[in-house]
């Protein structure tokens, strides 16, 4: 596998995630409001985030995913990814998580435009998909802005704190629009 690309946007640097990013990600993933629409609640132990990052780095080493740290002025403000990469089927899942202090400023859209462009352009992927929890209007709007269309709902897909949650599936095919 080749080392993941560094992507640049007008305001952001997207570089491959490293183990050293775990502390900055913990600051994001320990926030209740940020994690409201995530598969698990806000994390309380930095070690848990470090373990998640180790798993992501392993997925990258195996060619199953690319995780980027999104940097603004050299500070990590979020992460984004192509995961479940299937080069034979030319498809992958996309994902993103940004510090809520940076919500509403277009950073997620800017970063994900670069990620989608890299996936559909450089990597030659033809099918991208995303999953978001029902009620996550901001993620839905971002996915639609990126050219994804709602394709269905996975009923009770996530069990979080004893409650089943529905997840909306969004997909897109083809080159960046």
Protein backbone atom coordinates (compact mmCIF):
# COMPACT_ATOMS: atom_id res chain seq x y z
CA UNK A 1 0.00 0.00 0.00
CA UNK A 2 1.19 3.51 -0.75
CA UNK A 3 1.34 6.06 2.03
CA UNK A 4 -1.90 8.08 2.16
CA UNK A 5 -1.85 11.40 0.40
CA UNK A 6 -1.62 14.75 2.08
CA UNK A 7 -4.55 16.87 0.90
CA UNK A 8 -4.70 20.65 0.97
CA UNK A 9 -7.72 22.90 0.79
CA UNK A 10 -8.01 26.67 0.93
CA UNK A 11 -7.81 26.66 4.74
CA UNK A 12 -6.96 23.13 5.84
CA UNK A 13 -4.19 20.58 5.69
CA UNK A 14 -5.39 16.98 5.73
CA UNK A 15 -2.54 14.68 6.65
CA UNK A 16 -2.57 11.00 7.54
CA UNK A 17 -3.61 10.37 11.12
CA UNK A 18 -0.85 9.41 13.58
CA UNK A 19 -0.83 7.97 17.09
CA UNK A 20 0.22 11.41 18.34
CA UNK A 21 -3.23 12.74 17.32
CA UNK A 22 -5.04 10.73 20.01
CA UNK A 23 -4.96 13.50 22.63
CA UNK A 24 -6.43 16.10 20.28
CA UNK A 25 -9.09 13.61 19.17
CA UNK A 26 -9.91 12.86 22.80
CA UNK A 27 -10.70 16.54 23.31
CA UNK A 28 -13.25 16.26 20.48
CA UNK A 29 -14.61 12.81 21.34
CA UNK A 30 -15.11 13.62 25.03
CA UNK A 31 -17.63 16.37 24.22
CA UNK A 32 -21.25 15.32 24.78
CA UNK A 33 -22.73 17.57 22.09
CA UNK A 34 -20.17 16.53 19.47
CA UNK A 35 -20.86 12.84 20.13
CA UNK A 36 -24.66 13.21 20.25
CA UNK A 37 -25.08 11.49 16.87
CA UNK A 38 -22.23 8.99 17.19
CA UNK A 39 -22.41 5.23 17.72
CA UNK A 40 -21.22 5.63 21.30
CA UNK A 41 -21.48 8.41 23.89
CA UNK A 42 -18.74 10.89 24.70
CA UNK A 43 -15.60 9.05 25.73
CA UNK A 44 -14.21 9.52 29.21
CA UNK A 45 -10.83 7.80 28.96
CA UNK A 46 -7.99 9.07 26.74
CA UNK A 47 -6.78 5.47 26.52
CA UNK A 48 -10.00 4.52 24.72
CA UNK A 49 -9.34 7.08 21.99
CA UNK A 50 -5.70 5.94 21.76
CA UNK A 51 -6.96 2.35 21.18
CA UNK A 52 -9.38 3.57 18.49
CA UNK A 53 -6.52 5.40 16.74
CA UNK A 54 -4.33 2.27 16.89
CA UNK A 55 -7.14 0.34 15.17
CA UNK A 56 -7.46 3.05 12.53
CA UNK A 57 -3.71 2.99 11.90
CA UNK A 58 -3.88 -0.79 11.50
CA UNK A 59 -6.71 -0.41 8.99
CA UNK A 60 -4.55 2.08 7.09
CA UNK A 61 -1.56 -0.27 7.11
CA UNK A 62 -3.78 -3.03 5.72
CA UNK A 63 -5.12 -0.74 2.96
CA UNK A 64 -8.68 -0.90 4.34
CA UNK A 65 -8.96 2.79 5.17
CA UNK A 66 -7.39 6.22 5.04
CA UNK A 67 -7.83 8.47 8.06
CA UNK A 68 -6.83 12.12 7.88
CA UNK A 69 -6.25 14.64 10.64
CA UNK A 70 -7.81 17.95 9.60
CA UNK A 71 -5.49 20.78 10.64
CA UNK A 72 -6.20 24.50 10.79
CA UNK A 73 -3.09 26.57 11.50
CA UNK A 74 -1.33 23.35 12.64
CA UNK A 75 -4.06 22.54 15.19
CA UNK A 76 -6.19 19.40 14.79
CA UNK A 77 -9.84 20.45 14.47
CA UNK A 78 -11.26 17.18 13.17
CA UNK A 79 -10.78 14.00 11.22
CA UNK A 80 -12.19 12.51 8.06
CA UNK A 81 -11.81 9.22 6.30
CA UNK A 82 -12.37 6.75 3.56
CA UNK A 83 -13.02 3.42 5.29
CA UNK A 84 -14.11 -0.05 4.27
CA UNK A 85 -12.14 0.55 1.07
CA UNK A 86 -12.80 -2.18 -1.48
CA UNK A 87 -10.50 -1.56 -4.45
CA UNK A 88 -11.87 -4.51 -6.42
CA UNK A 89 -15.42 -3.16 -6.15
CA UNK A 90 -14.09 0.44 -6.29
CA UNK A 91 -16.10 1.62 -3.28
CA UNK A 92 -15.62 3.04 0.23
CA UNK A 93 -17.45 4.61 3.13
CA UNK A 94 -16.78 8.24 4.04
CA UNK A 95 -16.82 9.73 7.52
CA UNK A 96 -16.03 12.94 9.36
CA UNK A 97 -15.91 14.35 12.89
CA UNK A 98 -15.09 17.96 13.72
CA UNK A 99 -14.63 19.89 16.95
CA UNK A 100 -17.87 21.71 17.61
CA UNK A 101 -15.97 24.97 18.11
CA UNK A 102 -15.47 24.81 14.33
CA UNK A 103 -19.00 23.84 13.30
CA UNK A 104 -20.89 26.10 10.92
CA UNK A 105 -17.76 27.53 9.29
CA UNK A 106 -17.57 25.22 6.27
CA UNK A 107 -14.54 23.23 7.44
CA UNK A 108 -16.22 19.83 7.19
CA UNK A 109 -17.50 20.62 3.68
CA UNK A 110 -14.06 21.84 2.62
CA UNK A 111 -12.32 18.77 4.00
CA UNK A 112 -14.85 16.28 2.66
CA UNK A 113 -14.80 17.84 -0.80
CA UNK A 114 -11.07 17.04 -0.86
CA UNK A 115 -11.63 13.51 0.49
CA UNK A 116 -14.38 12.74 -2.04
CA UNK A 117 -12.23 14.19 -4.83
CA UNK A 118 -9.28 12.04 -3.77
CA UNK A 119 -11.42 8.93 -3.55
CA UNK A 120 -13.20 9.39 -6.89
CA UNK A 121 -10.19 10.91 -8.66
CA UNK A 122 -6.83 9.60 -7.49
CA UNK A 123 -8.09 6.28 -6.11
CA UNK A 124 -10.58 5.66 -8.92
CA UNK A 125 -13.45 4.81 -6.58
CA UNK A 126 -16.84 4.75 -8.27
CA UNK A 127 -19.14 4.36 -5.27
CA UNK A 128 -19.04 6.21 -1.96
CA UNK A 129 -21.50 5.86 0.88
CA UNK A 130 -22.05 7.30 4.34
CA UNK A 131 -24.16 6.52 7.36
CA UNK A 132 -25.55 9.07 9.80
CA UNK A 133 -27.89 8.78 12.76
CA UNK A 134 -31.48 9.77 12.18
CA UNK A 135 -31.99 13.36 13.25
CA UNK A 136 -28.48 14.50 12.35
CA UNK A 137 -29.61 17.30 10.06
CA UNK A 138 -26.17 18.92 9.76
CA UNK A 139 -24.52 15.74 8.47
CA UNK A 140 -27.43 15.10 6.13
CA UNK A 141 -27.10 18.62 4.67
CA UNK A 142 -23.35 18.21 4.22
CA UNK A 143 -23.73 14.85 2.47
CA UNK A 144 -26.35 16.28 0.13
CA UNK A 145 -24.10 19.27 -0.61
CA UNK A 146 -21.37 16.76 -1.55
CA UNK A 147 -23.69 15.06 -4.05
CA UNK A 148 -24.84 12.15 -1.88
CA UNK A 149 -28.48 11.08 -2.04
CA UNK A 150 -30.56 9.43 0.67
CA UNK A 151 -30.86 5.76 -0.24
CA UNK A 152 -32.58 4.24 2.75
CA UNK A 153 -32.79 3.75 6.47
CA UNK A 154 -31.29 1.02 8.62
CA UNK A 155 -33.90 0.56 11.33
CA UNK A 156 -32.47 0.11 14.83
CA UNK A 157 -28.96 -0.17 13.41
CA UNK A 158 -27.11 1.19 16.44
CA UNK A 159 -27.63 0.20 20.07
CA UNK A 160 -26.51 3.12 22.21
CA UNK A 161 -27.10 3.26 25.94
CA UNK A 162 -29.88 0.67 25.70
CA UNK A 163 -31.75 2.47 22.89
CA UNK A 164 -31.86 1.39 19.26
CA UNK A 165 -31.20 4.16 16.75
CA UNK A 166 -32.02 4.35 13.06
CA UNK A 167 -29.30 5.33 10.61
CA UNK A 168 -29.78 6.99 7.24
CA UNK A 169 -27.69 5.71 4.34
CA UNK A 170 -26.43 8.15 1.73
CA UNK A 171 -24.59 7.26 -1.45
CA UNK A 172 -23.11 8.68 -4.59
CA UNK A 173 -21.52 7.29 -7.70
CA UNK A 174 -19.15 8.83 -10.17
CA UNK A 175 -16.70 11.68 -10.27
CA UNK A 176 -16.76 14.82 -8.17
CA UNK A 177 -19.47 17.24 -9.31
